[in-house]
Protein backbone atom coordinates (compact mmCIF):
# COMPACT_ATOMS: atom_id res chain seq x y z
CA MET A 1 6.54 14.89 -13.58
CA GLY A 2 4.61 12.34 -15.66
CA LYS A 3 1.68 13.70 -17.65
CA LEU A 4 -1.53 13.27 -15.65
CA ASP A 5 -4.93 12.78 -17.22
CA LEU A 6 -6.83 15.02 -14.75
CA ILE A 7 -10.27 14.07 -16.07
CA GLN A 8 -9.66 10.29 -15.57
CA TYR A 9 -7.88 10.97 -12.21
CA LYS A 10 -10.87 13.02 -10.92
CA ARG A 11 -13.14 10.01 -11.86
CA ALA A 12 -10.78 7.72 -9.83
CA LEU A 13 -10.71 10.26 -6.86
CA ASP A 14 -14.61 10.20 -6.76
CA PHE A 15 -14.73 6.40 -7.11
CA SER A 16 -12.20 5.99 -4.30
CA TYR A 17 -13.95 8.62 -2.06
CA ASN A 18 -17.35 6.92 -2.48
CA PHE A 19 -15.93 3.41 -1.75
CA TYR A 20 -13.71 4.31 1.21
CA LYS A 21 -15.57 7.23 2.85
CA HIS A 22 -16.72 5.26 5.85
CA LYS A 23 -13.46 3.28 6.21
CA TYR A 24 -10.58 4.21 8.63
CA ARG A 25 -7.02 3.02 8.82
CA LYS A 26 -5.50 1.30 11.82
CA GLY A 27 -3.76 3.29 14.46
CA ILE A 28 -5.08 6.73 15.24
CA LYS A 29 -8.43 7.03 13.50
CA PHE A 30 -7.85 8.70 10.18
CA PRO A 31 -10.04 8.42 7.02
CA TYR A 32 -8.71 5.79 4.74
CA PHE A 33 -9.51 7.82 1.69
CA ASN A 34 -7.06 10.47 2.87
CA TYR A 35 -4.34 7.76 3.30
CA LEU A 36 -4.93 6.51 -0.26
CA SER A 37 -4.76 10.15 -1.56
CA SER A 38 -1.43 10.61 0.16
CA VAL A 39 -0.09 7.42 -1.44
CA SER A 40 -1.27 8.62 -4.91
CA ASN A 41 0.28 11.95 -4.30
CA LEU A 42 3.60 10.24 -3.70
CA ILE A 43 3.20 8.57 -7.11
CA ILE A 44 2.50 11.82 -8.85
CA GLU A 45 5.28 13.67 -7.06
CA ASN A 46 7.75 10.96 -8.15
CA ASN A 47 6.94 11.07 -11.86
CA GLY A 48 4.30 8.37 -11.90
CA ASN A 49 1.86 8.10 -14.69
CA THR A 50 -1.97 8.38 -14.65
CA ASP A 51 -2.48 4.56 -14.38
CA GLU A 52 -0.10 4.33 -11.44
CA ALA A 53 -1.72 7.26 -9.58
CA ILE A 54 -5.17 5.88 -10.09
CA ALA A 55 -4.11 2.45 -8.99
CA ALA A 56 -2.77 3.93 -5.82
CA LEU A 57 -6.19 5.35 -5.05
CA ILE A 58 -7.71 1.82 -5.08
CA HIS A 59 -4.80 -0.46 -4.66
CA ASP A 60 -6.43 -2.64 -1.91
CA TYR A 61 -9.93 -2.74 -3.50
CA PHE A 62 -9.77 -6.47 -4.06
CA GLU A 63 -8.83 -7.16 -0.41
CA LEU A 64 -12.24 -5.50 0.65
CA GLU A 65 -14.39 -6.73 -2.16
CA ASP A 66 -15.10 -10.00 -4.00
CA ILE A 67 -12.50 -9.97 -6.73
CA ASN A 68 -14.49 -11.98 -9.28
CA LYS A 69 -17.48 -9.67 -9.01
CA LYS A 70 -15.63 -6.48 -9.04
CA SER A 71 -12.67 -6.99 -11.33
CA ASN A 72 -14.73 -6.18 -14.52
CA LEU A 73 -15.80 -3.02 -12.91
CA ILE A 74 -12.23 -1.82 -12.42
CA LYS A 75 -11.33 -2.86 -16.05
CA LYS A 76 -14.32 -1.03 -17.45
CA LYS A 77 -13.78 2.14 -15.45
CA PHE A 78 -10.00 2.50 -15.48
CA GLY A 79 -8.65 -0.02 -17.97
CA VAL A 80 -6.65 -3.18 -18.00
CA LYS A 81 -3.37 -1.59 -16.90
CA VAL A 82 -4.91 -0.14 -13.60
CA TYR A 83 -6.64 -3.46 -13.02
CA ASN A 84 -3.37 -5.33 -13.33
CA ILE A 85 -1.62 -3.05 -10.92
CA VAL A 86 -4.35 -3.26 -8.39
CA LYS A 87 -4.41 -7.04 -8.70
CA GLN A 88 -0.63 -7.24 -8.17
CA CYS A 89 -0.76 -5.02 -5.16
CA SER A 90 -3.39 -7.13 -3.45
CA ASP A 91 -2.96 -10.12 -1.30
CA TYR A 92 -6.62 -10.93 -1.43
CA ASP A 93 -6.38 -14.81 -1.35
CA ASP A 94 -7.47 -15.01 2.24
CA LEU A 95 -9.61 -12.50 4.10
CA ASN A 96 -9.51 -14.25 7.44
CA ASN A 97 -7.97 -12.13 10.20
CA GLN A 98 -6.14 -14.79 12.19
CA ASN A 99 -2.58 -13.82 12.84
CA SER A 100 -1.04 -17.11 11.54
CA GLN A 101 -2.96 -16.62 8.24
CA TRP A 102 -1.75 -12.98 8.09
CA LEU A 103 1.74 -14.20 8.30
CA GLU A 104 1.19 -17.05 5.66
CA LYS A 105 -0.45 -14.46 3.37
CA LYS A 106 2.37 -12.06 3.63
CA LYS A 107 4.99 -14.77 2.96
CA LYS A 108 3.16 -15.81 -0.20
CA TYR A 109 2.95 -12.13 -1.21
CA LEU A 110 6.62 -11.59 -0.65
CA GLU A 111 7.34 -14.64 -2.78
CA THR A 112 5.64 -13.09 -5.79
CA ILE A 113 7.41 -9.65 -5.60
CA GLN A 114 9.94 -10.37 -8.37
CA LYS A 115 7.06 -11.34 -10.69
CA LYS A 116 5.30 -7.99 -10.37
CA SER A 117 5.45 -5.19 -12.93
CA GLN A 118 7.55 -2.15 -12.37
CA SER A 119 4.43 -0.01 -11.96
CA SER A 120 3.03 -2.36 -9.27
CA LEU A 121 6.34 -2.33 -7.38
CA PHE A 122 6.28 1.52 -7.52
CA VAL A 123 2.77 1.63 -6.05
CA ILE A 124 3.72 -0.92 -3.41
CA LEU A 125 6.74 1.17 -2.47
CA CYS A 126 4.76 4.38 -2.12
CA ASP A 127 1.97 2.57 -0.19
CA LYS A 128 4.40 0.94 2.35
CA LEU A 129 6.52 3.99 2.68
CA HIS A 130 3.40 5.97 3.64
CA SER A 131 2.23 3.24 5.82
CA VAL A 132 5.43 3.08 7.84
CA SER A 133 5.53 6.84 8.09
CA CYS A 134 2.00 6.81 9.57
CA MET A 135 3.08 4.10 12.12
CA ILE A 136 5.99 6.16 13.23
CA ASN A 137 3.88 9.30 13.51
CA ASP A 138 1.24 7.37 15.46
CA HIS A 139 3.89 5.85 17.74
CA ASN A 140 5.27 9.30 18.39
CA LYS A 141 1.77 10.32 19.56
CA ILE A 142 0.50 7.37 21.46
CA GLY A 143 3.48 5.05 21.98
CA LYS A 144 3.12 1.33 22.26
CA LYS A 145 -0.65 1.63 22.57
CA LEU A 146 -0.49 1.76 18.78
CA TRP A 147 0.04 -2.00 18.51
CA LYS A 148 -3.14 -2.99 20.23
CA ASN A 149 -5.02 -2.26 17.01
CA HIS A 150 -2.95 -4.76 14.99
CA ILE A 151 -3.68 -8.44 15.02
CA GLN A 152 -0.11 -9.33 14.28
CA THR A 153 2.87 -9.09 16.60
CA THR A 154 5.35 -6.21 16.34
CA ASN A 155 8.05 -8.88 15.39
CA ASP A 156 5.90 -9.96 12.47
CA ILE A 157 5.29 -6.46 11.41
CA LEU A 158 8.94 -5.64 11.53
CA TRP A 159 9.92 -8.91 9.62
CA TYR A 160 7.43 -8.04 6.95
CA TYR A 161 8.63 -4.44 6.35
CA LYS A 162 12.38 -5.37 6.49
CA THR A 163 11.91 -8.22 3.96
CA LEU A 164 9.72 -6.11 1.64
CA CYS A 165 12.23 -3.30 1.85
CA ASN A 166 15.03 -5.67 0.74
CA LYS A 167 12.97 -7.08 -2.09
CA LEU A 168 11.98 -3.68 -3.42
CA LYS A 169 15.58 -2.55 -3.43
CA LYS A 170 16.48 -5.62 -5.41
CA PHE A 171 13.68 -5.73 -7.92
CA LEU A 172 12.30 -2.22 -8.46
CA LYS A 173 14.44 -0.29 -10.85
CA ASN A 174 15.01 3.48 -10.32
CA HIS A 175 13.38 5.35 -7.46
CA LYS A 176 16.57 5.20 -5.42
CA THR A 177 15.52 8.28 -3.24
CA LEU A 178 12.27 6.66 -2.33
CA LYS A 179 13.83 3.25 -1.64
CA ASP A 180 16.46 4.86 0.59
CA LYS A 181 13.79 6.75 2.46
CA PHE A 182 11.75 3.55 2.95
CA GLN A 183 14.88 1.91 4.37
CA ARG A 184 15.37 4.81 6.91
CA HIS A 185 11.73 4.65 7.93
CA VAL A 186 12.02 0.84 8.45
CA ASN A 187 15.05 1.39 10.59
CA GLU A 188 13.27 3.98 12.62
CA LEU A 189 10.31 1.69 12.96
CA GLU A 190 12.60 -1.03 14.31
CA TYR A 191 14.24 1.28 16.82
CA LYS A 192 10.72 2.30 18.09
CA ILE A 193 9.53 -1.30 18.32
CA LYS A 194 12.63 -2.55 20.18
CA ASN A 195 13.05 0.40 22.59
């Protein structure tokens, strides 16, 4: 396991908790902070470093806040490395919730995968692995009702995760066990969507 700076990590936990404490993820209502903590734990459990673990706690911060106003805050609190990972994990160009724009945003995001750092790709993998795991668990509990909370179609969701999985397998070095697990989860998600 990578050496974790617990003092800095605790600061990031507090920052993430305070920012996300009133936010909930899609699907079965679940505190978003707990979701982010789980992603960060995946990073730590798979030999991630402090910057990667912290970035996982705030990886979509710029999607919820004005990037120009808040980027200096992230740099000041957690350093340039964390800032760069968070920036590369975000698809913050367009905050409009229309489905067509969601799709266009994801296409642009996928086109940039090969340009992202290995740390960013690692955080993205852990985030999406946990996200698909949550979708599968939610589907097991409430079935197809799960999708009514999503603005995008199930075909678009599936296309996104399948494409992302292929790109992560191609461009992220190491982490074979996690990449294989992500592939299995994507396959299971596809089965649930299509049956």
